[in-house]
Amino acid sequence: QVQLVESGGGLVQAGGSLRLSCTTSGRTFSSYAMAWSRQAPGKEREFVAVISTSGARPNYADSVKGRFTISRDNAKNTVYLQMNSLKPEDTAVYYCSAGSSIYKANDYWGQGTQVTVSS
């Protein structure tokens, strides 16, 4: 069982930046692909970014490409989401997840962290 804990959310003005962190328990973090998703009020959860076990293959939703960067530190069992040039439409609860591959990085989920971007 893998437990994931997100942190770093908060309130920021449009154009600002935040960095989310997701720390996992256990000794197998490096064997999991990791992803970030988000869910805005009244909307379905949507994919944001995913990264492979080695960190060499990040992939992003078109809506965040060029503004968000996913990275990982296997020594710290942590995956990050650096969010720059934030927009009000980025407001959502952000979730990290883990899985066996970049095509299925959704076996385990964190509890989410709220990001609110004011205009």
C-alpha atoms as a PDB file:
ATOM      1  CA  GLN A   1       0.000   0.000   0.000  1.00  0.00           C
ATOM      2  CA  VAL A   2       1.276   3.437  -0.911  1.00  0.00           C
ATOM      3  CA  GLN A   3       0.202   6.534   0.968  1.00  0.00           C
ATOM      4  CA  LEU A   4       0.486   9.918  -0.715  1.00  0.00           C
ATOM      5  CA  VAL A   5       0.326  13.291   1.035  1.00  0.00           C
ATOM      6  CA  GLU A   6       0.068  16.519  -0.933  1.00  0.00           C
ATOM      7  CA  SER A   7       1.093  19.932   0.342  1.00  0.00           C
ATOM      8  CA  GLY A   8       1.820  23.418  -0.926  1.00  0.00           C
ATOM      9  CA  GLY A   9      -1.616  24.555  -1.980  1.00  0.00           C
ATOM     10  CA  GLY A  10      -3.001  27.956  -1.109  1.00  0.00           C
ATOM     11  CA  LEU A  11      -4.333  31.261  -2.362  1.00  0.00           C
ATOM     12  CA  VAL A  12      -2.370  33.162  -4.992  1.00  0.00           C
ATOM     13  CA  GLN A  13      -3.057  36.039  -7.345  1.00  0.00           C
ATOM     14  CA  ALA A  14      -3.274  35.512 -11.079  1.00  0.00           C
ATOM     15  CA  GLY A  15       0.194  35.479 -12.583  1.00  0.00           C
ATOM     16  CA  GLY A  16       1.727  34.091  -9.427  1.00  0.00           C
ATOM     17  CA  SER A  17       3.399  30.770  -8.697  1.00  0.00           C
ATOM     18  CA  LEU A  18       3.010  27.822  -6.356  1.00  0.00           C
ATOM     19  CA  ARG A  19       4.887  24.592  -5.909  1.00  0.00           C
ATOM     20  CA  LEU A  20       2.981  21.522  -4.861  1.00  0.00           C
ATOM     21  CA  SER A  21       4.691  18.561  -3.238  1.00  0.00           C
ATOM     22  CA  CYS A  22       3.536  15.000  -2.857  1.00  0.00           C
ATOM     23  CA  THR A  23       5.436  12.762  -0.478  1.00  0.00           C
ATOM     24  CA  THR A  24       4.899   9.031  -0.411  1.00  0.00           C
ATOM     25  CA  SER A  25       5.435   6.348   2.173  1.00  0.00           C
ATOM     26  CA  GLY A  26       7.268   3.123   1.568  1.00  0.00           C
ATOM     27  CA  ARG A  27      10.478   2.212  -0.144  1.00  0.00           C
ATOM     28  CA  THR A  28       9.160   1.704  -3.662  1.00  0.00           C
ATOM     29  CA  PHE A  29       8.570   5.308  -4.737  1.00  0.00           C
ATOM     30  CA  SER A  30      11.131   5.059  -7.530  1.00  0.00           C
ATOM     31  CA  SER A  31       9.207   2.194  -9.122  1.00  0.00           C
ATOM     32  CA  TYR A  32       6.028   4.235  -9.607  1.00  0.00           C
ATOM     33  CA  ALA A  33       5.069   6.632 -12.325  1.00  0.00           C
ATOM     34  CA  MET A  34       3.607   9.718 -10.680  1.00  0.00           C
ATOM     35  CA  ALA A  35       0.905  12.083 -11.851  1.00  0.00           C
ATOM     36  CA  TRP A  36      -0.995  15.185 -10.909  1.00  0.00           C
ATOM     37  CA  SER A  37      -4.685  15.714 -11.601  1.00  0.00           C
ATOM     38  CA  ARG A  38      -7.126  18.403 -10.564  1.00  0.00           C
ATOM     39  CA  GLN A  39     -10.815  18.833  -9.981  1.00  0.00           C
ATOM     40  CA  ALA A  40     -12.563  22.182 -10.115  1.00  0.00           C
ATOM     41  CA  PRO A  41     -15.964  22.724  -8.487  1.00  0.00           C
ATOM     42  CA  GLY A  42     -18.725  21.182 -10.549  1.00  0.00           C
ATOM     43  CA  LYS A  43     -16.277  19.578 -12.979  1.00  0.00           C
ATOM     44  CA  GLU A  44     -14.776  16.163 -13.466  1.00  0.00           C
ATOM     45  CA  ARG A  45     -11.248  15.392 -12.382  1.00  0.00           C
ATOM     46  CA  GLU A  46      -8.789  16.061 -15.191  1.00  0.00           C
ATOM     47  CA  PHE A  47      -5.229  15.051 -15.954  1.00  0.00           C
ATOM     48  CA  VAL A  48      -2.545  17.687 -15.436  1.00  0.00           C
ATOM     49  CA  ALA A  49       0.875  16.036 -15.719  1.00  0.00           C
ATOM     50  CA  VAL A  50       2.645  12.687 -15.442  1.00  0.00           C
ATOM     51  CA  ILE A  51       6.257  11.649 -15.020  1.00  0.00           C
ATOM     52  CA  SER A  52       7.981   8.313 -15.478  1.00  0.00           C
ATOM     53  CA  THR A  53       9.984   6.467 -12.847  1.00  0.00           C
ATOM     54  CA  SER A  54      13.240   8.013 -14.021  1.00  0.00           C
ATOM     55  CA  GLY A  55      11.794  11.456 -14.574  1.00  0.00           C
ATOM     56  CA  ALA A  56      12.764  11.419 -18.232  1.00  0.00           C
ATOM     57  CA  ARG A  57       9.306  11.439 -19.778  1.00  0.00           C
ATOM     58  CA  PRO A  58       7.095  14.218 -18.426  1.00  0.00           C
ATOM     59  CA  ASN A  59       3.831  14.826 -20.203  1.00  0.00           C
ATOM     60  CA  TYR A  60       1.343  17.633 -19.731  1.00  0.00           C
ATOM     61  CA  ALA A  61      -2.216  18.610 -20.453  1.00  0.00           C
ATOM     62  CA  ASP A  62      -2.394  21.253 -23.163  1.00  0.00           C
ATOM     63  CA  SER A  63      -3.978  23.678 -20.703  1.00  0.00           C
ATOM     64  CA  VAL A  64      -0.846  23.768 -18.522  1.00  0.00           C
ATOM     65  CA  LYS A  65       1.916  23.108 -21.024  1.00  0.00           C
ATOM     66  CA  GLY A  66       4.624  25.748 -20.783  1.00  0.00           C
ATOM     67  CA  ARG A  67       3.416  26.942 -17.365  1.00  0.00           C
ATOM     68  CA  PHE A  68       3.619  23.853 -15.136  1.00  0.00           C
ATOM     69  CA  THR A  69       6.589  21.550 -14.563  1.00  0.00           C
ATOM     70  CA  ILE A  70       6.433  18.126 -12.959  1.00  0.00           C
ATOM     71  CA  SER A  71       9.578  16.711 -11.395  1.00  0.00           C
ATOM     72  CA  ARG A  72      10.563  14.070  -8.887  1.00  0.00           C
ATOM     73  CA  ASP A  73      13.248  13.398  -6.323  1.00  0.00           C
ATOM     74  CA  ASN A  74      13.474   9.657  -5.778  1.00  0.00           C
ATOM     75  CA  ALA A  75      15.827  10.118  -2.842  1.00  0.00           C
ATOM     76  CA  LYS A  76      13.134  12.130  -1.049  1.00  0.00           C
ATOM     77  CA  ASN A  77      10.150  10.031  -2.211  1.00  0.00           C
ATOM     78  CA  THR A  78       8.612  13.245  -3.485  1.00  0.00           C
ATOM     79  CA  VAL A  79       7.055  14.488  -6.694  1.00  0.00           C
ATOM     80  CA  TYR A  80       6.592  18.188  -7.355  1.00  0.00           C
ATOM     81  CA  LEU A  81       4.396  20.374  -9.497  1.00  0.00           C
ATOM     82  CA  GLN A  82       5.805  23.826 -10.131  1.00  0.00           C
ATOM     83  CA  MET A  83       2.985  26.079 -11.290  1.00  0.00           C
ATOM     84  CA  ASN A  84       3.827  29.426 -12.864  1.00  0.00           C
ATOM     85  CA  SER A  85       1.711  32.106 -14.544  1.00  0.00           C
ATOM     86  CA  LEU A  86      -1.322  30.854 -12.684  1.00  0.00           C
ATOM     87  CA  LYS A  87      -4.773  31.700 -13.981  1.00  0.00           C
ATOM     88  CA  PRO A  88      -8.144  31.772 -12.199  1.00  0.00           C
ATOM     89  CA  GLU A  89      -9.146  28.725 -14.229  1.00  0.00           C
ATOM     90  CA  ASP A  90      -6.358  26.772 -12.519  1.00  0.00           C
ATOM     91  CA  THR A  91      -8.389  26.928  -9.300  1.00  0.00           C
ATOM     92  CA  ALA A  92      -9.065  23.350  -8.206  1.00  0.00           C
ATOM     93  CA  VAL A  93      -8.210  20.643  -5.756  1.00  0.00           C
ATOM     94  CA  TYR A  94      -4.963  19.092  -6.948  1.00  0.00           C
ATOM     95  CA  TYR A  95      -4.322  15.391  -6.428  1.00  0.00           C
ATOM     96  CA  CYS A  96      -1.203  13.338  -6.889  1.00  0.00           C
ATOM     97  CA  SER A  97      -1.373   9.690  -7.828  1.00  0.00           C
ATOM     98  CA  ALA A  98       0.940   6.761  -8.378  1.00  0.00           C
ATOM     99  CA  GLY A  99       0.826   3.758 -10.659  1.00  0.00           C
ATOM    100  CA  SER A 100       2.689   1.186 -12.654  1.00  0.00           C
ATOM    101  CA  SER A 101       3.291   3.270 -15.784  1.00  0.00           C
ATOM    102  CA  ILE A 102       2.744   6.707 -17.264  1.00  0.00           C
ATOM    103  CA  TYR A 103      -0.360   5.271 -18.948  1.00  0.00           C
ATOM    104  CA  LYS A 104      -1.765   4.031 -15.643  1.00  0.00           C
ATOM    105  CA  ALA A 105      -0.482   6.315 -12.884  1.00  0.00           C
ATOM    106  CA  ASN A 106      -3.707   6.090 -10.921  1.00  0.00           C
ATOM    107  CA  ASP A 107      -3.530   3.100  -8.594  1.00  0.00           C
ATOM    108  CA  TYR A 108      -3.036   5.198  -5.482  1.00  0.00           C
ATOM    109  CA  TRP A 109      -4.290   8.713  -4.664  1.00  0.00           C
ATOM    110  CA  GLY A 110      -3.593  11.419  -2.160  1.00  0.00           C
ATOM    111  CA  GLN A 111      -6.244  13.436  -0.356  1.00  0.00           C
ATOM    112  CA  GLY A 112      -5.726  16.567  -2.429  1.00  0.00           C
ATOM    113  CA  THR A 113      -4.633  20.126  -1.793  1.00  0.00           C
ATOM    114  CA  GLN A 114      -6.642  23.235  -2.650  1.00  0.00           C
ATOM    115  CA  VAL A 115      -5.236  25.795  -5.066  1.00  0.00           C
ATOM    116  CA  THR A 116      -7.159  29.041  -5.457  1.00  0.00           C
ATOM    117  CA  VAL A 117      -6.123  31.683  -7.971  1.00  0.00           C
ATOM    118  CA  SER A 118      -7.733  35.088  -7.580  1.00  0.00           C
ATOM    119  CA  SER A 119      -8.183  37.486 -10.472  1.00  0.00           C
END
